[in-house]
Structure formats: structure tokens, C-alpha cells
N, C-alpha and C. Protein backbone atom coordinates (compact mmCIF):
# COMPACT_ATOMS: atom_id res chain seq x y z
N MET A 1 0.74 8.20 0.83
CA MET A 1 1.11 9.16 1.79
C MET A 1 1.26 10.60 1.01
N ALA A 2 1.89 10.52 0.00
CA ALA A 2 2.15 11.80 -0.82
C ALA A 2 0.70 12.37 -1.30
N ASP A 3 -0.21 11.47 -1.68
CA ASP A 3 -1.51 11.78 -2.21
C ASP A 3 -2.20 12.57 -0.85
N LEU A 4 -1.68 12.23 0.27
CA LEU A 4 -2.45 12.98 1.53
C LEU A 4 -1.70 14.03 2.10
N HIS A 5 -0.83 14.69 1.24
CA HIS A 5 0.01 15.91 1.55
C HIS A 5 1.20 15.65 2.38
N CYS A 6 1.64 14.31 2.65
CA CYS A 6 2.81 14.23 3.35
C CYS A 6 3.95 14.67 2.53
N GLU A 7 5.08 15.20 3.20
CA GLU A 7 6.10 15.89 2.42
C GLU A 7 7.38 14.96 2.54
N ASN A 8 8.17 15.09 1.43
CA ASN A 8 9.61 14.28 1.38
C ASN A 8 9.34 12.84 1.75
N VAL A 9 8.44 12.20 1.03
CA VAL A 9 8.21 10.70 1.25
C VAL A 9 9.27 9.95 0.63
N VAL A 10 9.96 9.08 1.38
CA VAL A 10 11.10 8.27 0.96
C VAL A 10 10.77 6.87 1.24
N VAL A 11 11.13 6.01 0.21
CA VAL A 11 10.97 4.47 0.36
C VAL A 11 12.21 3.96 0.37
N LEU A 12 12.54 3.18 1.47
CA LEU A 12 14.02 2.61 1.58
C LEU A 12 13.80 0.92 1.50
N ASP A 13 14.64 0.33 0.58
CA ASP A 13 14.73 -1.02 0.47
C ASP A 13 15.72 -1.43 1.36
N VAL A 14 15.41 -2.19 2.47
CA VAL A 14 16.20 -2.72 3.52
C VAL A 14 16.35 -4.12 3.71
N ARG A 15 15.91 -4.86 2.58
CA ARG A 15 15.90 -6.44 2.60
C ARG A 15 17.25 -6.91 2.75
N GLU A 16 18.33 -6.19 2.36
CA GLU A 16 19.69 -6.84 2.49
C GLU A 16 20.23 -6.13 3.99
N LEU A 17 19.55 -5.45 4.67
CA LEU A 17 20.05 -4.86 5.89
C LEU A 17 19.35 -5.16 7.19
N SER A 18 18.04 -5.47 7.05
CA SER A 18 17.10 -5.75 8.15
C SER A 18 16.69 -7.25 8.18
N GLN A 19 16.63 -7.79 9.46
CA GLN A 19 16.07 -8.96 9.57
C GLN A 19 14.54 -8.96 9.99
N VAL A 20 14.09 -7.67 10.15
CA VAL A 20 12.78 -7.39 10.66
C VAL A 20 11.60 -7.01 9.55
N THR A 21 12.23 -6.14 8.57
CA THR A 21 11.31 -5.73 7.56
C THR A 21 12.02 -5.65 6.20
N LYS A 22 11.28 -5.42 5.18
CA LYS A 22 11.89 -5.35 3.78
C LYS A 22 11.77 -3.87 3.32
N PHE A 23 10.81 -3.14 3.73
CA PHE A 23 10.77 -1.70 3.10
C PHE A 23 10.51 -0.74 4.38
N ILE A 24 11.01 0.41 4.39
CA ILE A 24 10.68 1.47 5.21
C ILE A 24 10.23 2.80 4.40
N VAL A 25 9.09 3.11 4.89
CA VAL A 25 8.54 4.41 4.26
C VAL A 25 8.48 5.52 5.22
N ILE A 26 9.22 6.69 4.78
CA ILE A 26 9.25 7.73 5.79
C ILE A 26 8.60 9.04 5.08
N GLY A 27 7.83 9.74 5.88
CA GLY A 27 7.25 10.86 5.40
C GLY A 27 6.95 11.97 6.40
N SER A 28 6.97 13.25 6.03
CA SER A 28 6.65 14.35 7.02
C SER A 28 5.31 14.71 6.98
N GLY A 29 4.59 15.01 8.17
CA GLY A 29 3.25 15.46 8.21
C GLY A 29 3.31 17.02 8.17
N THR A 30 2.18 17.52 7.86
CA THR A 30 2.09 19.18 7.82
C THR A 30 1.50 19.66 9.15
N SER A 31 0.89 18.66 9.78
CA SER A 31 0.13 19.14 11.12
C SER A 31 -0.18 17.82 11.79
N ASP A 32 -0.62 18.00 13.09
CA ASP A 32 -0.91 16.75 13.80
C ASP A 32 -2.08 16.16 13.22
N ARG A 33 -3.11 16.93 12.93
CA ARG A 33 -4.33 16.35 12.41
C ARG A 33 -4.14 15.56 11.08
N GLN A 34 -3.35 16.31 10.28
CA GLN A 34 -2.85 15.49 8.98
C GLN A 34 -2.26 14.28 9.30
N MET A 35 -1.28 14.30 10.18
CA MET A 35 -0.57 13.02 10.35
C MET A 35 -1.28 11.82 10.73
N TYR A 36 -2.39 12.25 11.75
CA TYR A 36 -3.29 11.05 12.26
C TYR A 36 -4.19 10.71 11.14
N SER A 37 -4.62 11.55 10.41
CA SER A 37 -5.51 11.24 9.11
C SER A 37 -4.76 10.27 8.17
N VAL A 38 -3.51 10.68 7.87
CA VAL A 38 -2.60 9.89 7.02
C VAL A 38 -2.48 8.38 7.55
N ALA A 39 -2.15 8.38 8.95
CA ALA A 39 -1.96 7.07 9.58
C ALA A 39 -3.29 6.20 9.49
N ASP A 40 -4.41 6.81 9.67
CA ASP A 40 -5.58 6.12 9.63
C ASP A 40 -6.00 5.59 8.15
N ASP A 41 -5.74 6.49 7.15
CA ASP A 41 -5.94 6.10 5.83
C ASP A 41 -4.77 5.14 5.40
N VAL A 42 -3.67 5.05 5.74
CA VAL A 42 -2.76 4.05 5.52
C VAL A 42 -3.12 2.86 6.02
N ALA A 43 -3.56 2.84 7.25
CA ALA A 43 -3.82 1.45 7.90
C ALA A 43 -5.22 0.98 7.22
N GLU A 44 -6.05 1.84 6.88
CA GLU A 44 -7.21 1.33 6.18
C GLU A 44 -6.94 0.78 4.88
N TYR A 45 -6.07 1.42 4.11
CA TYR A 45 -5.55 0.96 2.74
C TYR A 45 -4.90 -0.47 2.97
N GLY A 46 -4.02 -0.54 3.87
CA GLY A 46 -3.41 -1.85 4.13
C GLY A 46 -4.49 -3.05 4.36
N GLN A 47 -5.37 -2.65 5.39
CA GLN A 47 -6.37 -3.69 5.56
C GLN A 47 -7.26 -4.07 4.33
N GLU A 48 -7.57 -3.01 3.47
CA GLU A 48 -8.49 -3.29 2.37
C GLU A 48 -7.64 -4.26 1.21
N ASN A 49 -6.37 -4.13 1.26
CA ASN A 49 -5.51 -4.87 0.32
C ASN A 49 -4.82 -6.10 1.04
N GLY A 50 -5.27 -6.65 2.08
CA GLY A 50 -4.88 -7.90 2.56
C GLY A 50 -3.78 -7.66 3.45
N HIS A 51 -3.33 -6.47 3.89
CA HIS A 51 -2.29 -6.23 4.81
C HIS A 51 -2.62 -5.66 6.03
N PRO A 52 -3.18 -6.20 6.96
CA PRO A 52 -3.50 -5.55 8.17
C PRO A 52 -2.29 -5.06 8.96
N VAL A 53 -2.68 -4.17 9.72
CA VAL A 53 -1.59 -3.56 10.71
C VAL A 53 -1.21 -4.66 11.73
N PHE A 54 0.02 -4.96 11.92
CA PHE A 54 0.59 -5.84 12.75
C PHE A 54 0.62 -5.00 14.26
N ARG A 55 1.24 -3.82 14.20
CA ARG A 55 1.30 -2.95 15.48
C ARG A 55 1.40 -1.55 14.84
N SER A 56 0.98 -0.56 15.67
CA SER A 56 1.12 0.84 15.49
C SER A 56 1.33 1.54 16.75
N SER A 57 1.91 2.72 16.70
CA SER A 57 1.92 3.72 17.71
C SER A 57 1.19 4.94 17.10
N HIS A 58 -0.06 4.96 17.61
CA HIS A 58 -0.84 6.01 16.96
C HIS A 58 -1.46 6.89 18.02
N GLU A 59 -0.56 7.43 18.91
CA GLU A 59 -0.99 8.07 20.08
C GLU A 59 -1.30 9.70 19.67
N ARG A 60 -2.29 10.26 20.09
CA ARG A 60 -2.61 11.54 19.79
C ARG A 60 -1.66 12.61 20.11
N SER A 61 -0.66 12.34 21.08
CA SER A 61 0.32 13.34 21.52
C SER A 61 1.60 13.11 20.93
N SER A 62 1.73 12.28 19.99
CA SER A 62 2.97 11.95 19.36
C SER A 62 3.49 12.67 18.24
N ASN A 63 4.79 13.03 18.04
CA ASN A 63 5.28 13.63 16.86
C ASN A 63 5.78 12.53 15.87
N TRP A 64 5.60 11.35 16.20
CA TRP A 64 6.25 10.23 15.28
C TRP A 64 5.27 9.07 15.40
N ILE A 65 4.57 8.78 14.26
CA ILE A 65 3.72 7.74 14.30
C ILE A 65 4.27 6.52 13.48
N VAL A 66 4.12 5.37 13.91
CA VAL A 66 4.67 4.19 13.38
C VAL A 66 3.66 3.14 13.07
N ILE A 67 3.56 2.64 11.84
CA ILE A 67 2.62 1.74 11.45
C ILE A 67 3.28 0.45 10.78
N ASP A 68 3.26 -0.79 11.57
CA ASP A 68 4.04 -1.78 11.03
C ASP A 68 3.12 -2.88 10.53
N PHE A 69 3.56 -3.05 9.15
CA PHE A 69 2.81 -4.08 8.31
C PHE A 69 3.77 -5.27 8.18
N VAL A 70 4.67 -5.35 9.10
CA VAL A 70 5.69 -6.54 8.95
C VAL A 70 6.65 -6.24 7.77
N ASP A 71 6.22 -6.49 6.58
CA ASP A 71 7.08 -6.26 5.57
C ASP A 71 7.49 -4.85 5.14
N VAL A 72 6.57 -3.97 5.54
CA VAL A 72 6.64 -2.56 5.38
C VAL A 72 6.42 -1.90 6.62
N ILE A 73 7.29 -0.71 6.86
CA ILE A 73 7.05 -0.06 8.20
C ILE A 73 7.10 1.15 7.81
N ILE A 74 5.91 1.99 8.20
CA ILE A 74 5.69 3.32 7.79
C ILE A 74 6.03 4.25 8.98
N HIS A 75 6.78 5.37 8.66
CA HIS A 75 7.08 6.36 9.75
C HIS A 75 6.49 7.76 9.34
N ILE A 76 5.68 8.25 10.16
CA ILE A 76 5.05 9.64 9.86
C ILE A 76 5.61 10.45 10.91
N PHE A 77 6.51 11.48 10.45
CA PHE A 77 7.01 12.46 11.55
C PHE A 77 6.61 13.79 11.31
N GLU A 78 6.56 14.56 12.48
CA GLU A 78 6.60 16.05 12.56
C GLU A 78 7.97 16.38 11.95
N PRO A 79 8.11 17.30 11.19
CA PRO A 79 9.48 17.71 10.50
C PRO A 79 10.69 17.76 11.37
N ASN A 80 10.47 18.48 12.55
CA ASN A 80 11.58 18.56 13.52
C ASN A 80 11.89 17.17 14.17
N THR A 81 11.01 16.52 14.35
CA THR A 81 11.23 15.09 15.06
C THR A 81 11.87 14.27 14.08
N ARG A 82 11.51 14.43 12.65
CA ARG A 82 12.13 13.60 11.66
C ARG A 82 13.68 14.02 11.60
N ALA A 83 13.87 15.17 11.55
CA ALA A 83 15.34 15.69 11.47
C ALA A 83 16.14 15.33 12.64
N TYR A 84 15.52 15.18 13.81
CA TYR A 84 16.28 14.86 15.09
C TYR A 84 16.59 13.47 14.97
N TYR A 85 15.51 12.63 14.70
CA TYR A 85 16.13 11.12 14.62
C TYR A 85 16.68 10.74 13.24
N ASP A 86 16.50 11.34 12.20
CA ASP A 86 17.22 11.14 11.06
C ASP A 86 17.22 9.64 10.48
N LEU A 87 16.29 9.08 10.42
CA LEU A 87 16.22 7.58 9.95
C LEU A 87 17.04 7.45 8.74
N GLU A 88 16.97 8.40 7.86
CA GLU A 88 17.50 8.28 6.52
C GLU A 88 19.20 7.92 6.53
N SER A 89 19.64 8.60 7.72
CA SER A 89 21.18 8.41 8.03
C SER A 89 21.32 7.07 8.69
N LEU A 90 20.48 6.74 9.56
CA LEU A 90 20.50 5.37 10.18
C LEU A 90 20.57 4.20 9.12
N TRP A 91 19.72 4.41 8.14
CA TRP A 91 19.76 3.37 7.11
C TRP A 91 20.43 3.93 5.78
N ILE A 92 21.52 4.57 5.97
CA ILE A 92 22.29 5.20 4.82
C ILE A 92 22.70 4.09 3.83
N ASP A 93 22.91 2.81 4.24
CA ASP A 93 23.27 1.72 3.22
C ASP A 93 21.98 1.21 2.50
N ALA A 94 20.89 1.68 2.74
CA ALA A 94 19.64 1.21 2.20
C ALA A 94 19.43 1.89 0.73
N VAL A 95 18.91 1.00 -0.08
CA VAL A 95 18.65 1.61 -1.48
C VAL A 95 17.46 2.54 -1.47
N GLU A 96 17.49 3.73 -1.86
CA GLU A 96 16.43 4.55 -1.90
C GLU A 96 15.59 4.31 -3.18
N LEU A 97 14.35 3.90 -3.01
CA LEU A 97 13.59 3.49 -4.26
C LEU A 97 13.01 4.76 -4.86
N SER A 98 13.05 4.75 -6.16
CA SER A 98 12.25 5.90 -6.97
C SER A 98 10.84 5.28 -7.14
N TRP A 99 9.86 6.16 -6.80
CA TRP A 99 8.45 5.81 -6.94
C TRP A 99 7.73 6.89 -7.46
N LYS A 100 6.54 6.45 -8.20
CA LYS A 100 5.55 7.49 -8.42
C LYS A 100 4.23 6.59 -8.78
N ARG A 101 3.25 7.24 -8.58
CA ARG A 101 1.81 6.67 -8.70
C ARG A 101 1.63 6.33 -10.07
N PRO A 102 1.39 4.95 -10.52
CA PRO A 102 1.08 4.57 -11.86
C PRO A 102 -0.11 5.49 -12.45
N GLN A 103 -0.04 5.72 -13.59
CA GLN A 103 -1.14 6.47 -14.28
C GLN A 103 -2.20 5.57 -14.67
N PRO A 104 -3.51 5.97 -14.45
CA PRO A 104 -4.44 4.96 -14.86
C PRO A 104 -4.58 4.71 -16.39
N THR A 105 -4.94 3.49 -16.53
CA THR A 105 -4.82 3.09 -18.06
C THR A 105 -6.11 3.57 -18.78
N ASP A 106 -5.93 3.91 -19.95
CA ASP A 106 -7.05 4.53 -20.83
C ASP A 106 -7.83 3.25 -21.35
N THR A 107 -9.08 3.01 -21.08
CA THR A 107 -9.87 1.93 -21.27
C THR A 107 -10.71 2.31 -22.67
N LYS A 108 -10.64 3.41 -23.08
CA LYS A 108 -11.24 3.81 -24.34
C LYS A 108 -10.72 3.17 -25.64
N SER A 109 -11.65 2.75 -26.37
CA SER A 109 -11.03 2.31 -27.75
C SER A 109 -10.93 3.42 -28.63
N ASN A 110 -9.69 3.24 -29.41
CA ASN A 110 -9.39 4.20 -30.40
C ASN A 110 -10.00 4.05 -31.77
N ALA A 111 -11.06 3.12 -31.74
CA ALA A 111 -11.63 2.72 -33.12
C ALA A 111 -12.75 3.78 -33.42
């Protein structure tokens, strides 16, 4: 999501708190078009990696898109809607995971 210009991407570990999912990912979109594009790309990425979407709310008039992969639930918000619902406070006891994209490994030989 961050690669697609979502802002303030947060990953919450809710395994000890939820009976429904293991991780929640929250990000803010910069525009409607960008939010829908991110949702499409995330769903496609999951499908390509053996994790098809279980359910989603992907309506064009929405300020909040949810993509449910069962073990991971993705929330993409318009920033004001994200502030209003404040899921981070709802899951205040969840562990916020530190994340960053792994760097590609160098396959060149130093010989």
C-alpha cells in the first residue's frame, strides 16, 4: 500500500485480541481514484500469492474500502473518515508491527 502512495500505513497484530483475523492493515488514500487503484492492486497481489479475497467493500462512492483476506483485513480510508472511525484507538491493545520492504538481494558475484 505504501508503494502505491497510501499514507500512514499501520500494521496491527490482533492475534491475541480477535477471533476473526490475525492482522489489520490500515492506510489513508490520497484521492478516490488512488484508493480504488490500491484496493484493486492489493486484491490482485493477494490472488497472485495464493490468498484470494474472501470479501470486500469496494464501492465507488465509499470513503472506506475493506478487503478481507481472512487472516489479514485491509482498510483503506479517506483521511477524514479514518480520523472519525479511529480504528487504531479501537485496537489500542494491539501490537503495532514495524515493517519495511525487504531490499532485493544482490545476485552478482564479487569474484
